[in-house]
């Protein structure tokens, strides 16, 4: 009886080792996996605010390109501003993020508002801060093309 019990325990242990999976311990890997599972960042998005049309494109190097026009201008015309090397910054764990661009001392942030305190909150918000980190522009935006 004891031989059967020990044989069963030995077999169970062997099967446990065969089907065990190693999980990554690197916190950086976990962060990337957790963010990629719920953040769906489009490769290209066109946003319209009260005063601007903004196009954001993900570049092959992983950075983002910001182009803007007057709100009444056609997007096929030459942009009034182009900023490269934007960085994606996750904001919390609910899927919100912003893409930050720097240009001549000003910081441009295009926020993606997934989780908000109001159902009427716009899907995007543009903020611009000056050299002293004072907010000089805040405009909500809607998606023109995604």
C-alpha atoms as a PDB file:
ATOM      1  CA  UNK A   1       0.000   0.000   0.000  1.00  0.00           C
ATOM      2  CA  UNK A   2       2.777   2.445   0.893  1.00  0.00           C
ATOM      3  CA  UNK A   3       4.583   1.571  -2.358  1.00  0.00           C
ATOM      4  CA  UNK A   4       1.482   2.498  -4.391  1.00  0.00           C
ATOM      5  CA  UNK A   5       1.096   5.747  -2.483  1.00  0.00           C
ATOM      6  CA  UNK A   6       4.739   6.724  -3.017  1.00  0.00           C
ATOM      7  CA  UNK A   7       4.581   5.741  -6.690  1.00  0.00           C
ATOM      8  CA  UNK A   8       1.469   7.898  -7.151  1.00  0.00           C
ATOM      9  CA  UNK A   9       3.083  10.876  -5.392  1.00  0.00           C
ATOM     10  CA  UNK A  10       6.226  10.468  -7.521  1.00  0.00           C
ATOM     11  CA  UNK A  11       4.192  10.363 -10.766  1.00  0.00           C
ATOM     12  CA  UNK A  12       2.174  13.403  -9.717  1.00  0.00           C
ATOM     13  CA  UNK A  13       5.367  15.346  -9.014  1.00  0.00           C
ATOM     14  CA  UNK A  14       6.811  14.385 -12.397  1.00  0.00           C
ATOM     15  CA  UNK A  15       3.670  15.504 -14.259  1.00  0.00           C
ATOM     16  CA  UNK A  16       3.691  18.785 -12.313  1.00  0.00           C
ATOM     17  CA  UNK A  17       7.231  19.549 -13.463  1.00  0.00           C
ATOM     18  CA  UNK A  18       6.419  18.698 -17.076  1.00  0.00           C
ATOM     19  CA  UNK A  19       3.452  21.089 -17.228  1.00  0.00           C
ATOM     20  CA  UNK A  20       4.946  23.891 -15.120  1.00  0.00           C
ATOM     21  CA  UNK A  21       5.478  27.189 -16.937  1.00  0.00           C
ATOM     22  CA  UNK A  22       8.115  29.723 -16.082  1.00  0.00           C
ATOM     23  CA  UNK A  23       6.792  33.268 -15.625  1.00  0.00           C
ATOM     24  CA  UNK A  24       8.993  36.269 -16.350  1.00  0.00           C
ATOM     25  CA  UNK A  25      10.253  38.048 -13.254  1.00  0.00           C
ATOM     26  CA  UNK A  26      11.363  41.180 -15.080  1.00  0.00           C
ATOM     27  CA  UNK A  27       9.003  44.007 -14.086  1.00  0.00           C
ATOM     28  CA  UNK A  28       9.681  45.776 -17.389  1.00  0.00           C
ATOM     29  CA  UNK A  29       8.289  42.793 -19.300  1.00  0.00           C
ATOM     30  CA  UNK A  30       5.192  42.771 -17.077  1.00  0.00           C
ATOM     31  CA  UNK A  31       4.578  46.468 -17.660  1.00  0.00           C
ATOM     32  CA  UNK A  32       4.834  46.068 -21.408  1.00  0.00           C
ATOM     33  CA  UNK A  33       2.528  43.055 -21.379  1.00  0.00           C
ATOM     34  CA  UNK A  34      -0.042  44.767 -19.169  1.00  0.00           C
ATOM     35  CA  UNK A  35      -0.057  47.966 -21.235  1.00  0.00           C
ATOM     36  CA  UNK A  36      -0.209  46.215 -24.575  1.00  0.00           C
ATOM     37  CA  UNK A  37      -3.235  44.201 -23.537  1.00  0.00           C
ATOM     38  CA  UNK A  38      -5.577  47.167 -23.212  1.00  0.00           C
ATOM     39  CA  UNK A  39      -4.014  50.211 -24.840  1.00  0.00           C
ATOM     40  CA  UNK A  40      -4.937  50.340 -28.477  1.00  0.00           C
ATOM     41  CA  UNK A  41      -2.900  53.220 -29.864  1.00  0.00           C
ATOM     42  CA  UNK A  42      -3.748  53.838 -33.521  1.00  0.00           C
ATOM     43  CA  UNK A  43      -0.920  54.233 -36.020  1.00  0.00           C
ATOM     44  CA  UNK A  44      -2.597  57.372 -37.368  1.00  0.00           C
ATOM     45  CA  UNK A  45      -5.293  59.564 -35.872  1.00  0.00           C
ATOM     46  CA  UNK A  46      -6.707  62.899 -37.031  1.00  0.00           C
ATOM     47  CA  UNK A  47      -8.287  65.084 -34.360  1.00  0.00           C
ATOM     48  CA  UNK A  48     -10.249  68.313 -34.719  1.00  0.00           C
ATOM     49  CA  UNK A  49     -10.376  70.854 -31.900  1.00  0.00           C
ATOM     50  CA  UNK A  50     -11.988  74.268 -31.827  1.00  0.00           C
ATOM     51  CA  UNK A  51      -8.976  75.890 -33.537  1.00  0.00           C
ATOM     52  CA  UNK A  52      -6.865  73.068 -34.967  1.00  0.00           C
ATOM     53  CA  UNK A  53      -6.764  69.882 -36.987  1.00  0.00           C
ATOM     54  CA  UNK A  54      -4.068  67.589 -35.666  1.00  0.00           C
ATOM     55  CA  UNK A  55      -2.651  64.474 -37.268  1.00  0.00           C
ATOM     56  CA  UNK A  56      -0.509  62.100 -35.238  1.00  0.00           C
ATOM     57  CA  UNK A  57       1.393  59.289 -36.954  1.00  0.00           C
ATOM     58  CA  UNK A  58       3.481  56.535 -35.417  1.00  0.00           C
ATOM     59  CA  UNK A  59       6.855  56.460 -37.156  1.00  0.00           C
ATOM     60  CA  UNK A  60       8.884  53.313 -37.983  1.00  0.00           C
ATOM     61  CA  UNK A  61      11.318  54.167 -35.155  1.00  0.00           C
ATOM     62  CA  UNK A  62       8.487  53.992 -32.576  1.00  0.00           C
ATOM     63  CA  UNK A  63       8.302  57.772 -32.077  1.00  0.00           C
ATOM     64  CA  UNK A  64       5.316  59.940 -33.064  1.00  0.00           C
ATOM     65  CA  UNK A  65       4.942  62.785 -35.581  1.00  0.00           C
ATOM     66  CA  UNK A  66       2.653  65.762 -34.857  1.00  0.00           C
ATOM     67  CA  UNK A  67       1.243  67.870 -37.702  1.00  0.00           C
ATOM     68  CA  UNK A  68      -1.312  70.645 -37.269  1.00  0.00           C
ATOM     69  CA  UNK A  69      -3.402  72.961 -39.405  1.00  0.00           C
ATOM     70  CA  UNK A  70      -5.957  75.685 -38.807  1.00  0.00           C
ATOM     71  CA  UNK A  71      -9.349  74.101 -38.091  1.00  0.00           C
ATOM     72  CA  UNK A  72     -10.742  75.332 -41.432  1.00  0.00           C
ATOM     73  CA  UNK A  73      -7.737  74.256 -43.526  1.00  0.00           C
ATOM     74  CA  UNK A  74      -7.660  71.131 -45.654  1.00  0.00           C
ATOM     75  CA  UNK A  75      -5.480  68.374 -44.316  1.00  0.00           C
ATOM     76  CA  UNK A  76      -3.997  67.913 -47.796  1.00  0.00           C
ATOM     77  CA  UNK A  77      -2.431  71.388 -47.567  1.00  0.00           C
ATOM     78  CA  UNK A  78       0.974  72.082 -46.014  1.00  0.00           C
ATOM     79  CA  UNK A  79       0.855  71.798 -42.185  1.00  0.00           C
ATOM     80  CA  UNK A  80       1.405  74.976 -40.179  1.00  0.00           C
ATOM     81  CA  UNK A  81       3.438  73.016 -37.619  1.00  0.00           C
ATOM     82  CA  UNK A  82       5.361  69.738 -37.660  1.00  0.00           C
ATOM     83  CA  UNK A  83       6.972  68.241 -34.543  1.00  0.00           C
ATOM     84  CA  UNK A  84       8.803  64.920 -34.553  1.00  0.00           C
ATOM     85  CA  UNK A  85      10.060  62.542 -31.866  1.00  0.00           C
ATOM     86  CA  UNK A  86       6.892  62.394 -29.768  1.00  0.00           C
ATOM     87  CA  UNK A  87       6.794  59.937 -26.884  1.00  0.00           C
ATOM     88  CA  UNK A  88       3.842  57.824 -25.732  1.00  0.00           C
ATOM     89  CA  UNK A  89       3.275  58.142 -21.969  1.00  0.00           C
ATOM     90  CA  UNK A  90       0.816  55.725 -20.285  1.00  0.00           C
ATOM     91  CA  UNK A  91      -1.429  57.367 -17.669  1.00  0.00           C
ATOM     92  CA  UNK A  92      -2.577  54.861 -15.085  1.00  0.00           C
ATOM     93  CA  UNK A  93      -3.784  51.336 -15.785  1.00  0.00           C
ATOM     94  CA  UNK A  94      -7.146  52.028 -17.417  1.00  0.00           C
ATOM     95  CA  UNK A  95      -5.911  52.722 -20.936  1.00  0.00           C
ATOM     96  CA  UNK A  96      -5.522  56.511 -20.840  1.00  0.00           C
ATOM     97  CA  UNK A  97      -2.301  57.864 -22.304  1.00  0.00           C
ATOM     98  CA  UNK A  98      -0.862  60.984 -23.843  1.00  0.00           C
ATOM     99  CA  UNK A  99       1.683  61.629 -26.545  1.00  0.00           C
ATOM    100  CA  UNK A 100       4.141  64.374 -25.671  1.00  0.00           C
ATOM    101  CA  UNK A 101       6.010  66.600 -28.119  1.00  0.00           C
ATOM    102  CA  UNK A 102       8.561  69.344 -27.403  1.00  0.00           C
ATOM    103  CA  UNK A 103       9.002  72.351 -29.676  1.00  0.00           C
ATOM    104  CA  UNK A 104      10.972  75.536 -28.950  1.00  0.00           C
ATOM    105  CA  UNK A 105      10.449  75.308 -25.187  1.00  0.00           C
ATOM    106  CA  UNK A 106       6.746  74.462 -25.460  1.00  0.00           C
ATOM    107  CA  UNK A 107       5.324  71.087 -24.481  1.00  0.00           C
ATOM    108  CA  UNK A 108       2.440  69.724 -26.536  1.00  0.00           C
ATOM    109  CA  UNK A 109       0.419  66.855 -25.112  1.00  0.00           C
ATOM    110  CA  UNK A 110      -2.383  65.044 -26.897  1.00  0.00           C
ATOM    111  CA  UNK A 111      -4.340  63.099 -24.285  1.00  0.00           C
ATOM    112  CA  UNK A 112      -6.454  60.031 -25.073  1.00  0.00           C
ATOM    113  CA  UNK A 113      -9.348  59.970 -22.616  1.00  0.00           C
ATOM    114  CA  UNK A 114     -10.647  56.403 -22.285  1.00  0.00           C
ATOM    115  CA  UNK A 115     -11.580  56.554 -18.608  1.00  0.00           C
ATOM    116  CA  UNK A 116     -13.146  59.824 -17.507  1.00  0.00           C
ATOM    117  CA  UNK A 117     -15.445  61.132 -14.810  1.00  0.00           C
ATOM    118  CA  UNK A 118     -18.047  62.098 -17.419  1.00  0.00           C
ATOM    119  CA  UNK A 119     -19.611  60.250 -20.339  1.00  0.00           C
ATOM    120  CA  UNK A 120     -19.633  63.565 -22.231  1.00  0.00           C
ATOM    121  CA  UNK A 121     -15.853  64.002 -22.033  1.00  0.00           C
ATOM    122  CA  UNK A 122     -14.208  64.376 -25.444  1.00  0.00           C
ATOM    123  CA  UNK A 123     -12.096  61.430 -26.610  1.00  0.00           C
ATOM    124  CA  UNK A 124      -8.968  63.618 -26.992  1.00  0.00           C
ATOM    125  CA  UNK A 125      -7.599  66.759 -25.337  1.00  0.00           C
ATOM    126  CA  UNK A 126      -4.768  68.997 -26.570  1.00  0.00           C
ATOM    127  CA  UNK A 127      -2.747  70.877 -23.967  1.00  0.00           C
ATOM    128  CA  UNK A 128       0.158  73.225 -24.621  1.00  0.00           C
ATOM    129  CA  UNK A 129       2.451  74.486 -21.854  1.00  0.00           C
ATOM    130  CA  UNK A 130       5.024  77.259 -22.173  1.00  0.00           C
ATOM    131  CA  UNK A 131       8.628  77.305 -20.919  1.00  0.00           C
ATOM    132  CA  UNK A 132       7.414  78.018 -17.354  1.00  0.00           C
ATOM    133  CA  UNK A 133       5.035  75.032 -17.465  1.00  0.00           C
ATOM    134  CA  UNK A 134       2.031  77.364 -17.598  1.00  0.00           C
ATOM    135  CA  UNK A 135      -0.869  75.975 -19.589  1.00  0.00           C
ATOM    136  CA  UNK A 136      -1.574  78.266 -22.540  1.00  0.00           C
ATOM    137  CA  UNK A 137      -3.910  76.017 -24.575  1.00  0.00           C
ATOM    138  CA  UNK A 138      -6.473  73.378 -23.560  1.00  0.00           C
ATOM    139  CA  UNK A 139      -8.900  72.201 -26.220  1.00  0.00           C
ATOM    140  CA  UNK A 140     -11.001  69.073 -26.418  1.00  0.00           C
ATOM    141  CA  UNK A 141     -11.017  67.235 -29.724  1.00  0.00           C
ATOM    142  CA  UNK A 142     -13.033  64.722 -31.661  1.00  0.00           C
ATOM    143  CA  UNK A 143     -11.732  62.084 -34.039  1.00  0.00           C
ATOM    144  CA  UNK A 144     -12.029  63.060 -37.689  1.00  0.00           C
ATOM    145  CA  UNK A 145     -10.279  59.938 -38.955  1.00  0.00           C
ATOM    146  CA  UNK A 146      -8.874  57.023 -37.045  1.00  0.00           C
END
